[in-house]
Protein backbone atom coordinates (compact mmCIF):
# COMPACT_ATOMS: atom_id res chain seq x y z
CA MET A 1 56.10 89.99 75.69
CA GLU A 2 52.71 89.40 77.15
CA ILE A 3 51.50 89.89 80.94
CA GLU A 4 48.30 88.45 82.01
CA PHE A 5 46.91 89.73 85.19
CA ASN A 6 44.69 87.24 87.44
CA PRO A 7 43.66 88.71 90.36
CA ASN A 8 43.09 85.48 92.00
CA VAL A 9 46.31 83.51 91.72
CA THR A 10 48.76 85.12 93.97
CA SER A 11 52.62 84.66 92.95
CA GLY A 12 53.68 84.12 96.58
CA LEU A 13 55.34 88.24 96.60
CA SER A 14 53.42 90.19 98.54
CA ALA A 15 53.90 94.41 97.54
CA VAL A 16 52.87 94.84 101.10
CA PRO A 17 55.65 93.73 103.59
CA PRO A 18 54.06 91.25 106.52
CA GLY A 19 52.17 93.68 109.27
CA GLY A 20 51.56 95.97 106.54
CA ALA A 21 52.96 99.08 105.02
CA ALA A 22 55.33 100.86 107.15
CA GLY A 23 53.85 104.68 108.02
CA GLN A 24 50.15 103.11 107.14
CA SER A 25 47.61 104.25 109.67
CA GLY A 26 44.21 103.67 110.33
CA ALA A 27 44.59 100.22 109.19
CA ALA A 28 41.84 97.78 111.16
CA ALA A 29 43.91 95.45 113.33
CA PRO A 30 42.59 91.82 113.04
CA GLY A 31 39.53 91.01 115.34
CA GLN A 32 38.03 94.55 114.85
CA ASP A 33 36.10 94.36 111.75
CA THR A 34 32.52 95.17 113.45
CA ALA A 35 30.22 97.81 113.15
CA SER A 36 28.62 99.47 115.82
CA LEU A 37 24.30 99.74 115.43
CA SER A 38 23.66 101.16 118.38
CA ASN A 39 21.94 104.30 116.91
CA SER A 40 19.73 102.55 114.72
CA ASP A 41 16.83 102.45 117.07
CA ALA A 42 17.09 106.12 117.10
CA LEU A 43 16.94 106.66 113.49
CA LYS A 44 14.27 104.68 113.12
CA SER A 45 12.51 106.84 115.36
CA ALA A 46 13.13 109.61 113.64
CA ILE A 47 12.43 108.70 110.40
CA ASN A 48 8.89 107.41 111.95
CA THR A 49 8.53 111.05 113.28
CA ILE A 50 8.68 112.63 109.85
CA SER A 51 5.33 113.24 108.19
CA PRO A 52 5.01 112.02 104.54
CA VAL A 53 2.63 114.94 103.89
CA ARG A 54 4.34 118.64 103.66
CA PRO A 55 1.23 120.80 104.60
CA GLU A 56 3.10 123.76 102.78
CA LYS A 57 3.38 122.02 99.31
CA VAL A 58 -0.09 120.92 99.96
CA GLN A 59 -1.68 124.28 100.21
CA SER A 60 0.75 125.61 97.13
CA ALA A 61 -0.90 122.87 94.89
CA GLN A 62 -4.26 123.69 96.24
CA ALA A 63 -4.00 127.35 95.12
CA ALA A 64 -2.62 126.72 91.96
CA VAL A 65 -5.26 123.95 91.20
CA SER A 66 -7.99 126.66 92.27
CA ASP A 67 -6.51 129.23 90.02
CA ALA A 68 -8.36 129.20 86.47
CA LYS A 69 -5.43 130.50 84.46
CA TYR A 70 -3.02 127.19 85.57
CA PRO A 71 -1.23 126.02 83.85
CA PRO A 72 -0.44 128.81 81.66
CA ASP A 73 -1.31 128.76 78.04
CA ASP A 74 2.74 129.54 77.03
CA LEU A 75 3.49 126.27 79.12
CA LEU A 76 0.83 124.08 77.35
CA SER A 77 1.91 125.28 73.98
CA ALA A 78 5.69 124.47 74.74
CA VAL A 79 4.63 121.04 76.31
CA ALA A 80 2.32 120.59 73.01
CA ASN A 81 5.35 121.49 70.54
CA LEU A 82 7.48 119.38 72.45
CA MET A 83 4.84 116.37 72.04
CA GLY A 84 4.40 117.06 68.37
CA GLU A 85 8.29 116.91 67.79
CA LYS A 86 8.71 113.49 69.77
CA ILE A 87 5.45 111.71 69.04
CA GLN A 88 6.75 109.30 65.83
CA PRO A 89 3.97 108.47 63.61
CA ASP A 90 3.32 104.84 63.37
């Protein structure tokens, strides 16, 4: 016997009794399917006040770039080895 399931077809039988399941709480009552967006303006304002630049990161990057030993030789060697392993000849 083969059973086919099609969620688009209802058989008239319901697993949930009319009025909701017994002991079910938190279910939205009819007509209460709205969302409150009253804080959206405050959220937009907070996002707009965030600086896209983090001064501590800029300072750290400037210090690294001004260092003659950046990037370290071992890091360059590791990247070169990885590239050599991954590059496929044509």
